[in-house]
C-alpha cells in the first residue's frame, strides 16, 4: 500500500500496488490524526477482505 503520494521506486514498479490519499497528520490536531487513522484502518480492512477472497 502506497500512502506517500509519490511514485514507487523503479525496482518496485510492476508490483501490485494500492494507493490511497491520506492527509499527513504530523502538524494536525487530534481530529486530523484520528481521521487519518480511520482512513488507513478502512483501507487495511478492505485489503484484508480482498486477500481473504483470493484464498477461498
N, C-alpha and C. Protein backbone atom coordinates (compact mmCIF):
# COMPACT_ATOMS: atom_id res chain seq x y z
N UNK A 1 0.85 -1.16 0.00
CA UNK A 1 0.00 0.00 0.00
C UNK A 1 0.90 1.23 0.00
N UNK A 2 0.68 2.09 -0.96
CA UNK A 2 1.48 3.31 -1.08
C UNK A 2 0.63 4.49 -0.65
N UNK A 3 0.96 5.06 0.50
CA UNK A 3 0.22 6.21 1.02
C UNK A 3 1.02 7.50 0.88
N UNK A 4 2.18 7.40 0.26
CA UNK A 4 3.08 8.54 0.20
C UNK A 4 2.65 9.63 -0.77
N UNK A 5 1.86 9.26 -1.77
CA UNK A 5 1.51 10.22 -2.80
C UNK A 5 2.60 10.39 -3.84
N UNK A 6 3.67 9.64 -3.69
CA UNK A 6 4.80 9.68 -4.62
C UNK A 6 4.85 8.38 -5.40
N UNK A 7 5.42 8.41 -6.61
CA UNK A 7 5.57 7.16 -7.36
C UNK A 7 6.55 6.22 -6.66
N UNK A 8 6.37 4.94 -6.89
CA UNK A 8 7.27 3.96 -6.31
C UNK A 8 8.62 3.98 -7.01
N UNK A 9 9.67 3.53 -6.31
CA UNK A 9 10.98 3.43 -6.95
C UNK A 9 10.93 2.41 -8.09
N UNK A 10 11.82 2.55 -9.05
CA UNK A 10 11.80 1.66 -10.23
C UNK A 10 11.83 0.17 -9.88
N UNK A 11 12.56 -0.23 -8.85
CA UNK A 11 12.66 -1.65 -8.52
C UNK A 11 11.34 -2.23 -8.01
N UNK A 12 10.39 -1.39 -7.64
CA UNK A 12 9.09 -1.88 -7.18
C UNK A 12 8.01 -1.75 -8.23
N UNK A 13 8.29 -1.13 -9.32
CA UNK A 13 7.28 -1.00 -10.38
C UNK A 13 6.99 -2.36 -10.97
N UNK A 14 5.77 -2.55 -11.37
CA UNK A 14 5.34 -3.84 -11.89
C UNK A 14 4.69 -4.70 -10.82
N UNK A 15 4.81 -4.29 -9.56
CA UNK A 15 4.16 -4.99 -8.46
C UNK A 15 2.72 -4.50 -8.35
N UNK A 16 1.87 -5.30 -7.75
CA UNK A 16 0.51 -4.86 -7.48
C UNK A 16 0.56 -3.89 -6.32
N UNK A 17 0.07 -2.69 -6.55
CA UNK A 17 0.13 -1.65 -5.53
C UNK A 17 -1.22 -0.96 -5.42
N UNK A 18 -1.65 -0.76 -4.21
CA UNK A 18 -2.83 0.05 -3.97
C UNK A 18 -2.36 1.39 -3.46
N UNK A 19 -3.01 2.43 -3.90
CA UNK A 19 -2.63 3.76 -3.44
C UNK A 19 -3.81 4.36 -2.69
N UNK A 20 -3.50 5.29 -1.85
CA UNK A 20 -4.55 5.97 -1.10
C UNK A 20 -4.07 7.33 -0.66
N UNK A 21 -4.95 8.29 -0.75
CA UNK A 21 -4.62 9.63 -0.32
C UNK A 21 -5.05 9.79 1.13
N UNK A 22 -4.08 10.06 1.99
CA UNK A 22 -4.33 10.28 3.41
C UNK A 22 -3.63 11.56 3.79
N UNK A 23 -4.38 12.46 4.42
CA UNK A 23 -3.78 13.72 4.85
C UNK A 23 -2.67 13.43 5.85
N UNK A 24 -1.53 14.09 5.69
CA UNK A 24 -0.40 13.92 6.61
C UNK A 24 -0.78 14.54 7.95
N UNK A 25 -0.87 13.74 9.01
CA UNK A 25 -1.33 14.26 10.29
C UNK A 25 -0.24 14.88 11.16
N UNK A 26 0.98 14.95 10.67
CA UNK A 26 2.10 15.37 11.51
C UNK A 26 1.87 16.71 12.18
N UNK A 27 1.37 17.68 11.45
CA UNK A 27 1.19 19.01 12.05
C UNK A 27 -0.25 19.27 12.47
N UNK A 28 -1.09 18.25 12.34
CA UNK A 28 -2.50 18.43 12.65
C UNK A 28 -2.83 18.20 14.12
N UNK A 29 -4.06 18.52 14.45
CA UNK A 29 -4.54 18.28 15.80
C UNK A 29 -5.07 16.85 15.91
N UNK A 30 -5.65 16.53 17.05
CA UNK A 30 -6.13 15.17 17.29
C UNK A 30 -7.18 14.76 16.26
N UNK A 31 -8.04 15.68 15.84
CA UNK A 31 -9.07 15.37 14.86
C UNK A 31 -8.44 14.89 13.54
N UNK A 32 -7.37 15.56 13.12
CA UNK A 32 -6.67 15.18 11.88
C UNK A 32 -6.02 13.80 12.04
N UNK A 33 -5.42 13.56 13.20
CA UNK A 33 -4.79 12.26 13.46
C UNK A 33 -5.82 11.14 13.43
N UNK A 34 -6.95 11.36 14.08
CA UNK A 34 -8.00 10.33 14.11
C UNK A 34 -8.58 10.08 12.74
N UNK A 35 -8.76 11.13 11.95
CA UNK A 35 -9.29 10.97 10.59
C UNK A 35 -8.33 10.15 9.73
N UNK A 36 -7.03 10.44 9.85
CA UNK A 36 -6.03 9.68 9.08
C UNK A 36 -6.02 8.22 9.53
N UNK A 37 -6.07 8.00 10.84
CA UNK A 37 -6.08 6.62 11.36
C UNK A 37 -7.31 5.86 10.88
N UNK A 38 -8.47 6.50 10.91
CA UNK A 38 -9.70 5.85 10.44
C UNK A 38 -9.62 5.50 8.97
N UNK A 39 -9.08 6.41 8.17
CA UNK A 39 -8.98 6.15 6.73
C UNK A 39 -8.02 4.99 6.45
N UNK A 40 -6.88 4.98 7.13
CA UNK A 40 -5.91 3.90 6.95
C UNK A 40 -6.51 2.57 7.41
N UNK A 41 -7.22 2.58 8.53
CA UNK A 41 -7.84 1.36 9.02
C UNK A 41 -8.83 0.80 8.00
N UNK A 42 -9.63 1.67 7.41
CA UNK A 42 -10.59 1.22 6.39
C UNK A 42 -9.89 0.63 5.18
N UNK A 43 -8.79 1.24 4.77
CA UNK A 43 -8.04 0.73 3.62
C UNK A 43 -7.47 -0.65 3.92
N UNK A 44 -6.95 -0.83 5.12
CA UNK A 44 -6.38 -2.12 5.51
C UNK A 44 -7.47 -3.17 5.61
N UNK A 45 -8.62 -2.81 6.15
CA UNK A 45 -9.73 -3.76 6.23
C UNK A 45 -10.16 -4.23 4.84
N UNK A 46 -10.24 -3.30 3.89
CA UNK A 46 -10.60 -3.69 2.52
C UNK A 46 -9.55 -4.61 1.91
N UNK A 47 -8.29 -4.34 2.20
CA UNK A 47 -7.20 -5.17 1.69
C UNK A 47 -7.28 -6.58 2.29
N UNK A 48 -7.55 -6.68 3.57
CA UNK A 48 -7.71 -7.99 4.22
C UNK A 48 -8.85 -8.76 3.57
N UNK A 49 -9.98 -8.10 3.37
CA UNK A 49 -11.11 -8.78 2.74
C UNK A 49 -10.77 -9.23 1.33
N UNK A 50 -10.03 -8.42 0.61
CA UNK A 50 -9.61 -8.80 -0.74
C UNK A 50 -8.74 -10.05 -0.70
N UNK A 51 -7.77 -10.08 0.20
CA UNK A 51 -6.89 -11.24 0.30
C UNK A 51 -7.64 -12.48 0.76
N UNK A 52 -8.55 -12.32 1.66
CA UNK A 52 -9.35 -13.46 2.11
C UNK A 52 -10.17 -14.03 0.96
N UNK A 53 -10.70 -13.17 0.11
CA UNK A 53 -11.47 -13.61 -1.04
C UNK A 53 -10.63 -14.41 -2.03
N UNK A 54 -9.36 -14.09 -2.10
CA UNK A 54 -8.47 -14.81 -3.03
C UNK A 54 -8.16 -16.22 -2.55
N UNK A 55 -8.20 -16.45 -1.24
CA UNK A 55 -7.80 -17.74 -0.70
C UNK A 55 -8.94 -18.73 -0.63
N UNK A 56 -10.15 -18.29 -0.96
CA UNK A 56 -11.30 -19.19 -0.89
C UNK A 56 -11.50 -19.94 -2.16
